[in-house]
Amino acid sequence: MEAAAVPRSAAACRAAPALPAARALAMPRRALAASVAAAPARRLRLAARRAADGDGVETAAEAVPIEKRFPSFPSVMDINQIREILPHRFPFLLVDRVIEYKAGEYAVGIKNVTINDNFFPGHFPERPIMPGVLMVEAMAQVGGLVMLQPEVGGSRDNFFFAGIDKVRFRKPVIAGDTLIMRMTLTKYQKRFGLAKMEGKAYVGGDLVCEGEFLLVSATE
């Protein structure tokens, strides 16, 4: 009987790799068996603790009200500064704020699209969509903010939107959207007052409109 029990103890020691060999040999057979049998339970308890910690983190994040999770857009130029640069006025001033600007290179502006915009009653009464031509106009105004800065030398009194090319409308813009427009100066011929710009407009990170713009700031 005793001779037959020895191989079983050796097999049990080999089945418990988590225990040092010397410790396993020193443990009584019953304690060793109990330790091996308890290993799955310990792993389950550890997994449960980790899951509980994860739930705790998620709960802490959800505890922050949704209205406090999203920071506001930065303001490089507010509406009053924009009005000092652009000649446009209601109802045709279509840029509410500039959130990024690099002199003589690019500007990023936003237009908050609301149901109170005067074009929605007619476009369309049952499905308010911002007209594509006004999206292009808004982008051109952001381009104007680049051209009419002292670094470029444009004239507010002689500023014109001269042409567009390769314009594509990717998605509709509706009431409640925030239109984010980036206009980048790609070529400027100061002698003729001509500027070529690349424009892209986004809503929620999705591209909704893009095109190439020609702007002119001419002197009489």
C-alpha atoms as a PDB file:
ATOM      1  CA  MET A   1       0.000   0.000   0.000  1.00  0.00           C
ATOM      2  CA  GLU A   2       2.708   2.506   0.983  1.00  0.00           C
ATOM      3  CA  ALA A   3       4.831   1.658  -2.065  1.00  0.00           C
ATOM      4  CA  ALA A   4       1.867   2.313  -4.356  1.00  0.00           C
ATOM      5  CA  ALA A   5       1.261   5.735  -2.799  1.00  0.00           C
ATOM      6  CA  VAL A   6       4.671   7.161  -3.693  1.00  0.00           C
ATOM      7  CA  PRO A   7       4.100   7.485  -7.484  1.00  0.00           C
ATOM      8  CA  ARG A   8       0.799   9.291  -6.828  1.00  0.00           C
ATOM      9  CA  SER A   9       2.611  11.896  -4.647  1.00  0.00           C
ATOM     10  CA  ALA A  10       5.285  12.434  -7.318  1.00  0.00           C
ATOM     11  CA  ALA A  11       2.595  12.914  -9.978  1.00  0.00           C
ATOM     12  CA  ALA A  12       0.811  15.406  -7.775  1.00  0.00           C
ATOM     13  CA  CYS A  13       4.033  17.393  -7.351  1.00  0.00           C
ATOM     14  CA  ARG A  14       4.514  17.536 -11.117  1.00  0.00           C
ATOM     15  CA  ALA A  15       0.902  18.820 -11.541  1.00  0.00           C
ATOM     16  CA  ALA A  16       1.586  21.915  -9.389  1.00  0.00           C
ATOM     17  CA  PRO A  17       4.155  24.000 -11.315  1.00  0.00           C
ATOM     18  CA  ALA A  18       3.237  27.141  -9.368  1.00  0.00           C
ATOM     19  CA  LEU A  19       4.820  25.723  -6.215  1.00  0.00           C
ATOM     20  CA  PRO A  20       8.626  25.531  -5.731  1.00  0.00           C
ATOM     21  CA  ALA A  21       9.811  21.935  -5.917  1.00  0.00           C
ATOM     22  CA  ALA A  22      11.335  21.923  -2.423  1.00  0.00           C
ATOM     23  CA  ARG A  23       8.167  23.328  -0.894  1.00  0.00           C
ATOM     24  CA  ALA A  24       6.032  20.779  -2.737  1.00  0.00           C
ATOM     25  CA  LEU A  25       8.106  17.858  -1.477  1.00  0.00           C
ATOM     26  CA  ALA A  26       7.942  19.159   2.094  1.00  0.00           C
ATOM     27  CA  MET A  27       4.128  19.527   2.116  1.00  0.00           C
ATOM     28  CA  PRO A  28       1.935  16.623   3.239  1.00  0.00           C
ATOM     29  CA  ARG A  29       0.062  14.910   0.463  1.00  0.00           C
ATOM     30  CA  ARG A  30      -3.350  16.166   1.635  1.00  0.00           C
ATOM     31  CA  ALA A  31      -2.184  19.790   1.915  1.00  0.00           C
ATOM     32  CA  LEU A  32      -0.585  19.595  -1.510  1.00  0.00           C
ATOM     33  CA  ALA A  33      -3.749  18.229  -3.063  1.00  0.00           C
ATOM     34  CA  ALA A  34      -5.803  20.942  -1.383  1.00  0.00           C
ATOM     35  CA  SER A  35      -3.438  23.630  -2.681  1.00  0.00           C
ATOM     36  CA  VAL A  36      -3.670  22.312  -6.260  1.00  0.00           C
ATOM     37  CA  ALA A  37      -7.455  22.069  -6.046  1.00  0.00           C
ATOM     38  CA  ALA A  38      -7.731  25.641  -4.723  1.00  0.00           C
ATOM     39  CA  ALA A  39      -5.715  27.179  -7.585  1.00  0.00           C
ATOM     40  CA  PRO A  40      -8.698  27.627  -9.966  1.00  0.00           C
ATOM     41  CA  ALA A  41     -10.698  29.264  -7.214  1.00  0.00           C
ATOM     42  CA  ARG A  42      -7.881  31.713  -6.541  1.00  0.00           C
ATOM     43  CA  ARG A  43      -7.720  32.594 -10.214  1.00  0.00           C
ATOM     44  CA  LEU A  44     -11.467  33.188 -10.273  1.00  0.00           C
ATOM     45  CA  ARG A  45     -11.244  35.481  -7.245  1.00  0.00           C
ATOM     46  CA  LEU A  46      -8.393  37.438  -8.867  1.00  0.00           C
ATOM     47  CA  ALA A  47     -10.397  37.840 -12.086  1.00  0.00           C
ATOM     48  CA  ALA A  48     -13.400  39.003 -10.073  1.00  0.00           C
ATOM     49  CA  ARG A  49     -11.287  41.634  -8.289  1.00  0.00           C
ATOM     50  CA  ARG A  50      -9.912  42.900 -11.603  1.00  0.00           C
ATOM     51  CA  ALA A  51     -13.404  43.100 -13.073  1.00  0.00           C
ATOM     52  CA  ALA A  52     -14.602  44.982 -10.025  1.00  0.00           C
ATOM     53  CA  ASP A  53     -11.758  47.485 -10.372  1.00  0.00           C
ATOM     54  CA  GLY A  54     -12.656  48.035 -14.033  1.00  0.00           C
ATOM     55  CA  ASP A  55     -16.301  48.602 -13.163  1.00  0.00           C
ATOM     56  CA  GLY A  56     -15.192  51.143 -10.596  1.00  0.00           C
ATOM     57  CA  VAL A  57     -13.266  53.146 -13.204  1.00  0.00           C
ATOM     58  CA  GLU A  58     -16.199  53.097 -15.627  1.00  0.00           C
ATOM     59  CA  THR A  59     -18.585  54.213 -12.927  1.00  0.00           C
ATOM     60  CA  ALA A  60     -16.290  57.121 -12.019  1.00  0.00           C
ATOM     61  CA  ALA A  61     -16.233  58.274 -15.653  1.00  0.00           C
ATOM     62  CA  GLU A  62     -19.990  58.000 -15.945  1.00  0.00           C
ATOM     63  CA  ALA A  63     -20.338  60.047 -12.779  1.00  0.00           C
ATOM     64  CA  VAL A  64     -19.207  63.155 -14.719  1.00  0.00           C
ATOM     65  CA  PRO A  65     -22.331  64.729 -16.298  1.00  0.00           C
ATOM     66  CA  ILE A  66     -22.269  64.670 -20.083  1.00  0.00           C
ATOM     67  CA  GLU A  67     -22.542  68.470 -20.254  1.00  0.00           C
ATOM     68  CA  LYS A  68     -19.150  68.708 -18.470  1.00  0.00           C
ATOM     69  CA  ARG A  69     -17.242  66.151 -20.554  1.00  0.00           C
ATOM     70  CA  PHE A  70     -16.695  68.251 -23.685  1.00  0.00           C
ATOM     71  CA  PRO A  71     -14.599  71.447 -23.571  1.00  0.00           C
ATOM     72  CA  SER A  72     -15.640  74.444 -25.634  1.00  0.00           C
ATOM     73  CA  PHE A  73     -13.830  75.463 -28.809  1.00  0.00           C
ATOM     74  CA  PRO A  74     -10.874  77.816 -28.320  1.00  0.00           C
ATOM     75  CA  SER A  75     -11.302  81.378 -29.533  1.00  0.00           C
ATOM     76  CA  VAL A  76      -8.511  82.971 -31.549  1.00  0.00           C
ATOM     77  CA  MET A  77     -10.939  85.518 -33.025  1.00  0.00           C
ATOM     78  CA  ASP A  78     -14.402  86.155 -31.642  1.00  0.00           C
ATOM     79  CA  ILE A  79     -17.339  87.517 -33.630  1.00  0.00           C
ATOM     80  CA  ASN A  80     -16.422  91.146 -32.880  1.00  0.00           C
ATOM     81  CA  GLN A  81     -12.897  90.676 -34.236  1.00  0.00           C
ATOM     82  CA  ILE A  82     -14.296  88.887 -37.290  1.00  0.00           C
ATOM     83  CA  ARG A  83     -16.631  91.832 -37.959  1.00  0.00           C
ATOM     84  CA  GLU A  84     -13.633  94.174 -37.900  1.00  0.00           C
ATOM     85  CA  ILE A  85     -11.995  92.156 -40.700  1.00  0.00           C
ATOM     86  CA  LEU A  86     -14.854  90.949 -42.917  1.00  0.00           C
ATOM     87  CA  PRO A  87     -17.276  93.402 -44.558  1.00  0.00           C
ATOM     88  CA  HIS A  88     -20.179  90.906 -44.395  1.00  0.00           C
ATOM     89  CA  ARG A  89     -23.145  91.473 -42.095  1.00  0.00           C
ATOM     90  CA  PHE A  90     -26.399  89.690 -41.181  1.00  0.00           C
ATOM     91  CA  PRO A  91     -27.785  87.635 -42.752  1.00  0.00           C
ATOM     92  CA  PHE A  92     -24.669  86.829 -44.746  1.00  0.00           C
ATOM     93  CA  LEU A  93     -21.898  86.708 -42.145  1.00  0.00           C
ATOM     94  CA  LEU A  94     -21.391  82.947 -41.891  1.00  0.00           C
ATOM     95  CA  VAL A  95     -18.378  82.635 -39.562  1.00  0.00           C
ATOM     96  CA  ASP A  96     -18.985  82.725 -35.808  1.00  0.00           C
ATOM     97  CA  ARG A  97     -15.483  82.122 -34.457  1.00  0.00           C
ATOM     98  CA  VAL A  98     -11.916  81.378 -35.518  1.00  0.00           C
ATOM     99  CA  ILE A  99     -10.421  78.558 -33.464  1.00  0.00           C
ATOM    100  CA  GLU A 100      -6.973  78.375 -35.089  1.00  0.00           C
ATOM    101  CA  TYR A 101      -4.981  80.739 -37.236  1.00  0.00           C
ATOM    102  CA  LYS A 102      -1.483  81.003 -38.656  1.00  0.00           C
ATOM    103  CA  ALA A 103      -0.640  84.296 -40.312  1.00  0.00           C
ATOM    104  CA  GLY A 104      -0.395  84.061 -44.077  1.00  0.00           C
ATOM    105  CA  GLU A 105      -0.997  80.299 -44.114  1.00  0.00           C
ATOM    106  CA  TYR A 106      -4.371  79.061 -42.879  1.00  0.00           C
ATOM    107  CA  ALA A 107      -7.383  79.645 -40.665  1.00  0.00           C
ATOM    108  CA  VAL A 108      -9.920  77.329 -39.047  1.00  0.00           C
ATOM    109  CA  GLY A 109     -13.338  78.810 -38.421  1.00  0.00           C
ATOM    110  CA  ILE A 110     -16.679  77.520 -37.183  1.00  0.00           C
ATOM    111  CA  LYS A 111     -20.274  78.167 -38.131  1.00  0.00           C
ATOM    112  CA  ASN A 112     -22.947  77.115 -35.641  1.00  0.00           C
ATOM    113  CA  VAL A 113     -25.831  75.947 -37.778  1.00  0.00           C
ATOM    114  CA  THR A 114     -29.162  76.605 -36.027  1.00  0.00           C
ATOM    115  CA  ILE A 115     -32.805  76.289 -36.989  1.00  0.00           C
ATOM    116  CA  ASN A 116     -33.004  80.095 -36.666  1.00  0.00           C
ATOM    117  CA  ASP A 117     -30.809  80.585 -39.751  1.00  0.00           C
ATOM    118  CA  ASN A 118     -32.926  82.453 -42.265  1.00  0.00           C
ATOM    119  CA  PHE A 119     -32.388  79.977 -45.117  1.00  0.00           C
ATOM    120  CA  PHE A 120     -34.034  77.014 -43.375  1.00  0.00           C
ATOM    121  CA  PRO A 121     -37.704  78.010 -43.903  1.00  0.00           C
ATOM    122  CA  GLY A 122     -37.177  77.536 -47.630  1.00  0.00           C
ATOM    123  CA  HIS A 123     -34.431  74.872 -47.677  1.00  0.00           C
ATOM    124  CA  PHE A 124     -36.315  72.742 -46.840  1.00  0.00           C
ATOM    125  CA  PRO A 125     -39.460  73.234 -44.717  1.00  0.00           C
ATOM    126  CA  GLU A 126     -39.713  69.537 -43.829  1.00  0.00           C
ATOM    127  CA  ARG A 127     -35.999  68.765 -43.801  1.00  0.00           C
ATOM    128  CA  PRO A 128     -33.715  71.668 -42.837  1.00  0.00           C
ATOM    129  CA  ILE A 129     -30.434  71.279 -44.760  1.00  0.00           C
ATOM    130  CA  MET A 130     -27.811  73.989 -45.118  1.00  0.00           C
ATOM    131  CA  PRO A 131     -27.533  74.935 -48.815  1.00  0.00           C
ATOM    132  CA  GLY A 132     -24.281  73.837 -50.409  1.00  0.00           C
ATOM    133  CA  VAL A 133     -23.644  77.269 -51.912  1.00  0.00           C
ATOM    134  CA  LEU A 134     -23.759  78.790 -48.406  1.00  0.00           C
ATOM    135  CA  MET A 135     -21.296  76.203 -47.125  1.00  0.00           C
ATOM    136  CA  VAL A 136     -18.961  77.302 -49.922  1.00  0.00           C
ATOM    137  CA  GLU A 137     -19.585  80.963 -49.065  1.00  0.00           C
ATOM    138  CA  ALA A 138     -18.816  80.318 -45.388  1.00  0.00           C
ATOM    139  CA  MET A 139     -15.552  78.626 -46.350  1.00  0.00           C
ATOM    140  CA  ALA A 140     -14.658  81.544 -48.619  1.00  0.00           C
ATOM    141  CA  GLN A 141     -15.211  83.919 -45.698  1.00  0.00           C
ATOM    142  CA  VAL A 142     -12.747  81.921 -43.611  1.00  0.00           C
ATOM    143  CA  GLY A 143     -10.343  82.272 -46.533  1.00  0.00           C
ATOM    144  CA  GLY A 144     -10.990  85.997 -46.465  1.00  0.00           C
ATOM    145  CA  LEU A 145      -9.832  86.105 -42.861  1.00  0.00           C
ATOM    146  CA  VAL A 146      -6.460  84.817 -44.065  1.00  0.00           C
ATOM    147  CA  MET A 147      -6.233  87.219 -47.023  1.00  0.00           C
ATOM    148  CA  LEU A 148      -7.312  90.359 -45.210  1.00  0.00           C
ATOM    149  CA  GLN A 149      -4.617  90.190 -42.554  1.00  0.00           C
ATOM    150  CA  PRO A 150      -1.641  92.600 -42.624  1.00  0.00           C
ATOM    151  CA  GLU A 151       0.719  89.712 -43.420  1.00  0.00           C
ATOM    152  CA  VAL A 152      -1.015  89.291 -46.787  1.00  0.00           C
ATOM    153  CA  GLY A 153      -1.965  92.899 -47.403  1.00  0.00           C
ATOM    154  CA  GLY A 154      -5.487  92.422 -48.725  1.00  0.00           C
ATOM    155  CA  SER A 155      -7.957  95.286 -48.931  1.00  0.00           C
ATOM    156  CA  ARG A 156     -11.281  94.984 -47.135  1.00  0.00           C
ATOM    157  CA  ASP A 157     -12.888  97.352 -49.622  1.00  0.00           C
ATOM    158  CA  ASN A 158     -11.819  95.327 -52.671  1.00  0.00           C
ATOM    159  CA  PHE A 159     -12.117  91.726 -51.596  1.00  0.00           C
ATOM    160  CA  PHE A 160     -13.852  89.268 -53.891  1.00  0.00           C
ATOM    161  CA  PHE A 161     -14.599  85.572 -54.150  1.00  0.00           C
ATOM    162  CA  ALA A 162     -13.394  84.870 -57.685  1.00  0.00           C
ATOM    163  CA  GLY A 163     -13.910  81.179 -58.364  1.00  0.00           C
ATOM    164  CA  ILE A 164     -14.246  77.579 -57.201  1.00  0.00           C
ATOM    165  CA  ASP A 165     -13.114  74.259 -58.602  1.00  0.00           C
ATOM    166  CA  LYS A 166     -13.397  70.567 -57.727  1.00  0.00           C
ATOM    167  CA  VAL A 167     -16.078  71.216 -55.106  1.00  0.00           C
ATOM    168  CA  ARG A 168     -17.671  68.102 -53.625  1.00  0.00           C
ATOM    169  CA  PHE A 169     -20.433  67.821 -51.046  1.00  0.00           C
ATOM    170  CA  ARG A 170     -19.977  64.635 -49.053  1.00  0.00           C
ATOM    171  CA  LYS A 171     -22.730  64.782 -46.419  1.00  0.00           C
ATOM    172  CA  PRO A 172     -25.680  67.073 -45.643  1.00  0.00           C
ATOM    173  CA  VAL A 173     -25.291  69.671 -42.916  1.00  0.00           C
ATOM    174  CA  ILE A 174     -28.407  70.107 -40.788  1.00  0.00           C
ATOM    175  CA  ALA A 175     -29.676  72.350 -38.022  1.00  0.00           C
ATOM    176  CA  GLY A 176     -27.780  71.639 -34.812  1.00  0.00           C
ATOM    177  CA  ASP A 177     -24.466  70.861 -36.535  1.00  0.00           C
ATOM    178  CA  THR A 178     -21.234  72.763 -35.999  1.00  0.00           C
ATOM    179  CA  LEU A 179     -19.470  73.316 -39.299  1.00  0.00           C
ATOM    180  CA  ILE A 180     -15.683  73.434 -38.893  1.00  0.00           C
ATOM    181  CA  MET A 181     -13.891  74.920 -41.897  1.00  0.00           C
ATOM    182  CA  ARG A 182     -10.162  74.885 -42.659  1.00  0.00           C
ATOM    183  CA  MET A 183      -8.871  77.143 -45.413  1.00  0.00           C
ATOM    184  CA  THR A 184      -5.219  76.815 -46.414  1.00  0.00           C
ATOM    185  CA  LEU A 185      -3.387  79.254 -48.665  1.00  0.00           C
ATOM    186  CA  THR A 186      -1.610  77.210 -51.349  1.00  0.00           C
ATOM    187  CA  LYS A 187      -0.488  79.960 -53.764  1.00  0.00           C
ATOM    188  CA  TYR A 188      -0.455  83.740 -53.620  1.00  0.00           C
ATOM    189  CA  GLN A 189       0.435  86.162 -56.415  1.00  0.00           C
ATOM    190  CA  LYS A 190       0.739  89.433 -54.572  1.00  0.00           C
ATOM    191  CA  ARG A 191       1.286  91.444 -57.754  1.00  0.00           C
ATOM    192  CA  PHE A 192      -2.157  90.480 -59.027  1.00  0.00           C
ATOM    193  CA  GLY A 193      -3.818  90.034 -55.638  1.00  0.00           C
ATOM    194  CA  LEU A 194      -4.754  86.427 -56.454  1.00  0.00           C
ATOM    195  CA  ALA A 195      -4.865  83.690 -53.871  1.00  0.00           C
ATOM    196  CA  LYS A 196      -5.503  79.985 -54.379  1.00  0.00           C
ATOM    197  CA  MET A 197      -6.765  78.130 -51.342  1.00  0.00           C
ATOM    198  CA  GLU A 198      -7.676  74.603 -50.402  1.00  0.00           C
ATOM    199  CA  GLY A 199     -10.814  74.257 -48.304  1.00  0.00           C
ATOM    200  CA  LYS A 200     -12.234  71.437 -46.251  1.00  0.00           C
ATOM    201  CA  ALA A 201     -15.295  71.496 -43.988  1.00  0.00           C
ATOM    202  CA  TYR A 202     -16.147  68.966 -41.293  1.00  0.00           C
ATOM    203  CA  VAL A 203     -18.974  68.054 -38.950  1.00  0.00           C
ATOM    204  CA  GLY A 204     -18.046  65.814 -36.022  1.00  0.00           C
ATOM    205  CA  GLY A 205     -14.793  64.825 -37.737  1.00  0.00           C
ATOM    206  CA  ASP A 206     -16.547  63.787 -40.969  1.00  0.00           C
ATOM    207  CA  LEU A 207     -15.666  65.569 -44.195  1.00  0.00           C
ATOM    208  CA  VAL A 208     -18.806  67.243 -45.566  1.00  0.00           C
ATOM    209  CA  CYS A 209     -17.428  69.595 -48.215  1.00  0.00           C
ATOM    210  CA  GLU A 210     -14.137  70.251 -49.995  1.00  0.00           C
ATOM    211  CA  GLY A 211     -12.864  72.265 -52.915  1.00  0.00           C
ATOM    212  CA  GLU A 212     -10.322  74.679 -54.375  1.00  0.00           C
ATOM    213  CA  PHE A 213     -10.963  78.406 -54.078  1.00  0.00           C
ATOM    214  CA  LEU A 214      -9.766  81.472 -55.936  1.00  0.00           C
ATOM    215  CA  LEU A 215      -9.899  84.739 -54.033  1.00  0.00           C
ATOM    216  CA  VAL A 216      -8.861  88.160 -55.217  1.00  0.00           C
ATOM    217  CA  SER A 217      -8.011  91.303 -53.346  1.00  0.00           C
ATOM    218  CA  ALA A 218      -7.577  93.973 -55.993  1.00  0.00           C
ATOM    219  CA  THR A 219      -6.852  97.668 -55.901  1.00  0.00           C
ATOM    220  CA  GLU A 220      -8.589 100.101 -58.208  1.00  0.00           C
END
